[in-house]
């Protein structure tokens, strides 16, 4: 009986710790900062103490989701073969991933592509605040051609290249990813909101230059064949892959009662690495 009581007390202590604890303390975000963020009114611009400086953003839920995924769960952690890895960050958002890469690999050669003008301004400010002036920042979309594209700019994680039947949007410069793959790349991160299939199809004969690939896949049920092709391409190129759910679109998949505003049926994080 004593052991049962002890286990109950320990369990309660752990639950209290999870509720009262602060997983972001090492990021210089205090408990009070966290409460203030979660209860702050919606606004166009937030500025928060973060690591060696400040971070600016326009969505508290997206910011907290990002730092939890990147700095708490460390989803982008990888082993570099030297102290100067080459990293292409396609879909840099407000710069959290680039900051993480530079903290993990201070001498890394990081290039960030971010087409959304609002996100790009946050990106520039945030990298400068953290002292990472050597990161190459490009206000461009990753695509299969060098051209101007219509872009749905939402200054959020959901900004994306417009589809053929969407004419409402801004014109942005797009660059062909294949042209950027001229030497060995230690990590290619692709978070390009639905354009990943076309881009990967275009670079499949360059996959031998990549040591690690992160793909955030966005798709519909009708596009399952495209997902299968992506997995086949990376497998044939010598990669092993590991898949995690990026977003729980359908909590009850059999009934498919969608309870969010996602425009995709499937959102997956696909980690491709060489054994």
Protein backbone atom coordinates (compact mmCIF):
# COMPACT_ATOMS: atom_id res chain seq x y z
CA UNK A 1 0.00 0.00 0.00
CA UNK A 2 2.83 2.40 0.84
CA UNK A 3 4.35 1.90 -2.62
CA UNK A 4 0.98 2.61 -4.25
CA UNK A 5 0.63 5.87 -2.32
CA UNK A 6 4.22 6.81 -3.23
CA UNK A 7 3.54 6.17 -6.92
CA UNK A 8 0.37 8.28 -6.79
CA UNK A 9 2.23 11.16 -5.13
CA UNK A 10 5.06 10.93 -7.67
CA UNK A 11 2.55 10.93 -10.52
CA UNK A 12 0.80 13.99 -9.15
CA UNK A 13 4.18 15.71 -8.78
CA UNK A 14 5.06 15.00 -12.40
CA UNK A 15 1.72 16.32 -13.65
CA UNK A 16 2.05 19.48 -11.55
CA UNK A 17 5.55 19.92 -12.91
CA UNK A 18 4.31 19.67 -16.48
CA UNK A 19 1.57 22.23 -15.82
CA UNK A 20 3.68 24.67 -13.83
CA UNK A 21 6.97 24.04 -15.62
CA UNK A 22 8.41 26.04 -18.46
CA UNK A 23 10.02 24.09 -21.32
CA UNK A 24 11.25 27.37 -22.85
CA UNK A 25 13.36 28.56 -19.94
CA UNK A 26 16.62 27.82 -21.78
CA UNK A 27 15.36 30.02 -24.62
CA UNK A 28 15.21 33.01 -22.22
CA UNK A 29 11.41 32.90 -22.16
CA UNK A 30 10.36 33.02 -18.52
CA UNK A 31 7.21 31.64 -16.95
CA UNK A 32 5.68 35.12 -16.76
CA UNK A 33 6.63 35.83 -20.40
CA UNK A 34 4.87 32.64 -21.40
CA UNK A 35 1.69 33.53 -19.51
CA UNK A 36 1.72 37.01 -21.02
CA UNK A 37 2.14 35.64 -24.53
CA UNK A 38 -0.66 33.11 -24.18
CA UNK A 39 -3.04 35.75 -22.83
CA UNK A 40 -2.05 38.72 -24.97
CA UNK A 41 -4.61 40.20 -27.36
CA UNK A 42 -4.17 39.51 -31.07
CA UNK A 43 -1.91 42.05 -32.74
CA UNK A 44 0.18 42.49 -35.90
CA UNK A 45 3.56 42.48 -34.21
CA UNK A 46 5.02 40.88 -31.09
CA UNK A 47 8.53 41.26 -29.73
CA UNK A 48 9.81 38.73 -27.21
CA UNK A 49 13.15 38.22 -25.47
CA UNK A 50 14.70 35.13 -27.02
CA UNK A 51 18.14 33.51 -26.61
CA UNK A 52 20.82 36.15 -27.30
CA UNK A 53 18.42 38.89 -28.34
CA UNK A 54 14.80 39.25 -29.33
CA UNK A 55 12.37 37.53 -31.66
CA UNK A 56 9.58 39.25 -33.62
CA UNK A 57 6.48 37.53 -34.99
CA UNK A 58 2.78 38.07 -35.66
CA UNK A 59 1.18 34.88 -34.34
CA UNK A 60 1.61 33.57 -30.80
CA UNK A 61 0.28 30.04 -31.60
CA UNK A 62 2.61 29.71 -34.60
CA UNK A 63 5.57 31.01 -32.60
CA UNK A 64 4.99 28.61 -29.70
CA UNK A 65 4.39 25.72 -32.09
CA UNK A 66 7.62 26.56 -33.90
CA UNK A 67 9.86 26.82 -30.84
CA UNK A 68 8.39 23.66 -29.35
CA UNK A 69 8.99 21.68 -32.54
CA UNK A 70 12.43 23.15 -33.29
CA UNK A 71 14.05 23.96 -29.93
CA UNK A 72 12.28 21.60 -27.53
CA UNK A 73 11.78 18.53 -29.75
CA UNK A 74 14.89 19.28 -31.89
CA UNK A 75 13.34 17.89 -35.07
CA UNK A 76 16.13 19.39 -37.22
CA UNK A 77 19.05 17.99 -35.23
CA UNK A 78 21.51 16.11 -37.44
CA UNK A 79 25.12 14.97 -37.34
CA UNK A 80 27.38 16.97 -39.65
CA UNK A 81 30.45 15.33 -41.15
CA UNK A 82 32.51 18.50 -40.55
CA UNK A 83 32.20 21.81 -38.69
CA UNK A 84 31.10 23.73 -41.80
CA UNK A 85 27.97 21.97 -43.11
CA UNK A 86 26.01 23.39 -46.04
CA UNK A 87 22.31 23.87 -45.30
CA UNK A 88 19.52 25.01 -47.63
CA UNK A 89 16.48 26.17 -45.65
CA UNK A 90 13.58 26.36 -48.12
CA UNK A 91 10.63 27.95 -46.40
CA UNK A 92 12.42 29.84 -43.66
CA UNK A 93 9.30 31.52 -42.18
CA UNK A 94 10.48 33.95 -39.44
CA UNK A 95 13.92 32.40 -39.00
CA UNK A 96 13.51 29.93 -36.14
CA UNK A 97 14.99 27.04 -38.13
CA UNK A 98 17.95 29.13 -39.33
CA UNK A 99 18.67 30.26 -35.76
CA UNK A 100 18.57 26.64 -34.63
CA UNK A 101 20.96 25.55 -37.40
CA UNK A 102 23.46 28.26 -36.47
CA UNK A 103 23.29 27.40 -32.77
CA UNK A 104 23.89 23.73 -33.53
CA UNK A 105 26.55 24.40 -36.19
CA UNK A 106 28.05 27.91 -35.69
CA UNK A 107 30.22 27.69 -38.82
CA UNK A 108 27.46 26.33 -41.06
CA UNK A 109 26.86 27.87 -44.49
CA UNK A 110 23.12 28.51 -44.30
CA UNK A 111 20.99 29.89 -47.12
CA UNK A 112 17.33 30.67 -46.39
CA UNK A 113 14.59 31.08 -49.00
CA UNK A 114 11.37 32.79 -47.88
CA UNK A 115 9.00 34.31 -50.44
CA UNK A 116 6.43 35.91 -48.11
CA UNK A 117 7.33 39.59 -47.71
CA UNK A 118 5.94 39.82 -44.17
CA UNK A 119 7.74 36.70 -43.00
CA UNK A 120 10.92 37.89 -44.69
CA UNK A 121 10.96 41.14 -42.71
CA UNK A 122 10.63 39.17 -39.47
CA UNK A 123 13.33 36.79 -40.73
CA UNK A 124 15.83 39.60 -41.37
CA UNK A 125 15.14 41.26 -38.01
CA UNK A 126 15.38 38.00 -36.06
CA UNK A 127 18.63 36.78 -37.62
CA UNK A 128 20.22 40.20 -37.03
CA UNK A 129 19.01 40.24 -33.41
CA UNK A 130 20.70 36.88 -32.77
CA UNK A 131 23.95 38.04 -34.40
CA UNK A 132 23.80 35.74 -37.43
CA UNK A 133 24.69 38.21 -40.13
CA UNK A 134 26.47 35.54 -42.16
CA UNK A 135 23.25 33.70 -43.06
CA UNK A 136 22.28 34.28 -46.70
CA UNK A 137 18.65 35.47 -46.88
CA UNK A 138 16.74 35.32 -50.16
CA UNK A 139 13.24 36.72 -50.56
CA UNK A 140 12.34 34.12 -53.18
CA UNK A 141 10.13 31.08 -53.65
CA UNK A 142 11.58 27.66 -54.40
CA UNK A 143 10.15 26.23 -57.60
CA UNK A 144 10.98 24.30 -60.80
CA UNK A 145 11.65 27.41 -62.92
CA UNK A 146 13.24 30.83 -62.61
CA UNK A 147 10.20 33.05 -63.10
CA UNK A 148 7.66 35.33 -61.42
CA UNK A 149 4.84 33.46 -59.68
CA UNK A 150 1.53 34.39 -58.08
CA UNK A 151 1.85 33.91 -54.35
CA UNK A 152 -0.80 33.83 -51.62
CA UNK A 153 0.88 35.93 -48.96
CA UNK A 154 -0.57 35.52 -45.47
CA UNK A 155 2.53 36.39 -43.41
CA UNK A 156 2.13 33.02 -41.72
CA UNK A 157 3.18 29.38 -41.99
CA UNK A 158 0.42 28.91 -44.60
CA UNK A 159 1.70 31.31 -47.27
CA UNK A 160 2.13 29.39 -50.52
CA UNK A 161 2.44 29.47 -54.29
CA UNK A 162 -1.00 30.00 -55.86
CA UNK A 163 -2.58 27.22 -57.90
CA UNK A 164 -3.40 27.66 -61.59
CA UNK A 165 -6.98 28.72 -60.88
CA UNK A 166 -5.99 31.24 -58.18
CA UNK A 167 -5.29 34.70 -59.54
CA UNK A 168 -5.59 36.69 -56.32
CA UNK A 169 -2.13 37.17 -54.88
CA UNK A 170 1.19 38.91 -55.14
CA UNK A 171 3.88 38.35 -57.73
CA UNK A 172 7.10 36.95 -56.25
CA UNK A 173 10.39 35.85 -57.72
CA UNK A 174 10.83 32.08 -57.89
CA UNK A 175 14.12 30.24 -58.34
CA UNK A 176 14.72 26.72 -59.56
CA UNK A 177 16.03 24.60 -56.71
CA UNK A 178 17.84 22.32 -59.13
CA UNK A 179 20.12 25.22 -60.09
CA UNK A 180 21.18 25.58 -56.44
CA UNK A 181 22.31 21.95 -56.13
CA UNK A 182 25.83 22.25 -57.51
CA UNK A 183 27.76 20.79 -54.59
CA UNK A 184 27.15 18.40 -51.70
CA UNK A 185 24.43 19.62 -49.33
CA UNK A 186 24.42 18.39 -45.73
CA UNK A 187 20.76 19.22 -45.15
CA UNK A 188 17.97 20.29 -47.47
CA UNK A 189 14.88 21.47 -45.61
CA UNK A 190 11.73 21.66 -47.75
CA UNK A 191 8.75 23.32 -46.11
CA UNK A 192 7.14 24.89 -49.17
CA UNK A 193 3.42 24.38 -48.54
CA UNK A 194 2.32 21.96 -51.23
CA UNK A 195 5.03 22.57 -53.87
CA UNK A 196 7.26 19.75 -52.63
CA UNK A 197 6.13 17.09 -55.12
CA UNK A 198 6.89 19.19 -58.21
CA UNK A 199 10.21 20.40 -56.78
CA UNK A 200 11.36 16.92 -55.76
CA UNK A 201 10.37 15.56 -59.15
CA UNK A 202 12.56 18.23 -60.75
CA UNK A 203 15.61 17.47 -58.56
CA UNK A 204 15.36 13.67 -58.37
CA UNK A 205 18.51 13.28 -60.48
CA UNK A 206 20.38 15.52 -58.01
CA UNK A 207 19.41 13.65 -54.85
CA UNK A 208 22.85 12.00 -54.77
CA UNK A 209 24.26 15.41 -53.71
CA UNK A 210 22.14 15.47 -50.54
CA UNK A 211 23.10 13.84 -47.25
CA UNK A 212 19.88 14.61 -45.33
CA UNK A 213 16.47 15.83 -46.46
CA UNK A 214 13.59 17.14 -44.37
CA UNK A 215 10.27 17.27 -46.25
CA UNK A 216 7.11 18.72 -44.76
CA UNK A 217 4.60 17.05 -47.06
CA UNK A 218 1.20 18.65 -47.69
CA UNK A 219 -1.33 16.72 -49.75
CA UNK A 220 -4.87 15.60 -50.43
CA UNK A 221 -6.16 12.03 -50.35
CA UNK A 222 -6.42 12.20 -54.15
CA UNK A 223 -2.66 12.86 -54.29
CA UNK A 224 -1.53 9.72 -52.49
CA UNK A 225 0.19 8.56 -55.66
CA UNK A 226 2.46 11.61 -55.47
CA UNK A 227 3.40 10.79 -51.88
CA UNK A 228 4.26 7.24 -52.90
CA UNK A 229 6.44 8.56 -55.72
CA UNK A 230 8.33 10.87 -53.36
CA UNK A 231 9.09 7.96 -51.06
CA UNK A 232 10.18 5.85 -54.04
CA UNK A 233 12.52 8.59 -55.33
CA UNK A 234 14.30 9.06 -52.01
CA UNK A 235 14.51 5.32 -51.44
CA UNK A 236 16.03 4.74 -54.88
CA UNK A 237 18.53 7.53 -54.15
CA UNK A 238 19.82 5.56 -51.15
CA UNK A 239 17.89 7.23 -48.34
CA UNK A 240 16.15 5.64 -45.41
CA UNK A 241 13.07 7.58 -44.36
CA UNK A 242 11.16 8.09 -41.14
CA UNK A 243 7.68 9.66 -41.08
CA UNK A 244 5.95 11.60 -38.31
CA UNK A 245 2.61 13.38 -38.36
CA UNK A 246 3.17 17.12 -38.76
CA UNK A 247 -0.42 18.07 -38.09
CA UNK A 248 -3.36 16.06 -36.76
CA UNK A 249 -5.81 17.07 -39.48
CA UNK A 250 -8.31 14.27 -38.78
CA UNK A 251 -8.43 13.16 -35.12
CA UNK A 252 -10.92 10.48 -36.18
CA UNK A 253 -9.64 9.42 -39.64
CA UNK A 254 -12.40 6.85 -40.31
CA UNK A 255 -15.16 9.45 -39.93
CA UNK A 256 -12.92 12.27 -41.23
CA UNK A 257 -14.60 14.96 -39.18
CA UNK A 258 -12.12 17.73 -39.85
CA UNK A 259 -11.98 20.06 -36.88
CA UNK A 260 -9.53 22.68 -38.13
CA UNK A 261 -9.08 24.95 -41.13
CA UNK A 262 -6.35 22.99 -42.85
CA UNK A 263 -6.63 22.93 -46.63
CA UNK A 264 -4.80 19.58 -46.72
CA UNK A 265 -5.85 16.05 -45.82
CA UNK A 266 -2.33 14.92 -44.96
CA UNK A 267 0.55 16.82 -43.37
CA UNK A 268 3.65 14.75 -42.65
CA UNK A 269 7.23 15.35 -41.60
CA UNK A 270 9.46 13.07 -43.66
CA UNK A 271 13.06 12.65 -42.50
CA UNK A 272 15.40 11.21 -45.14
CA UNK A 273 18.91 10.16 -44.13
CA UNK A 274 21.69 7.87 -45.31
CA UNK A 275 22.72 4.90 -43.17
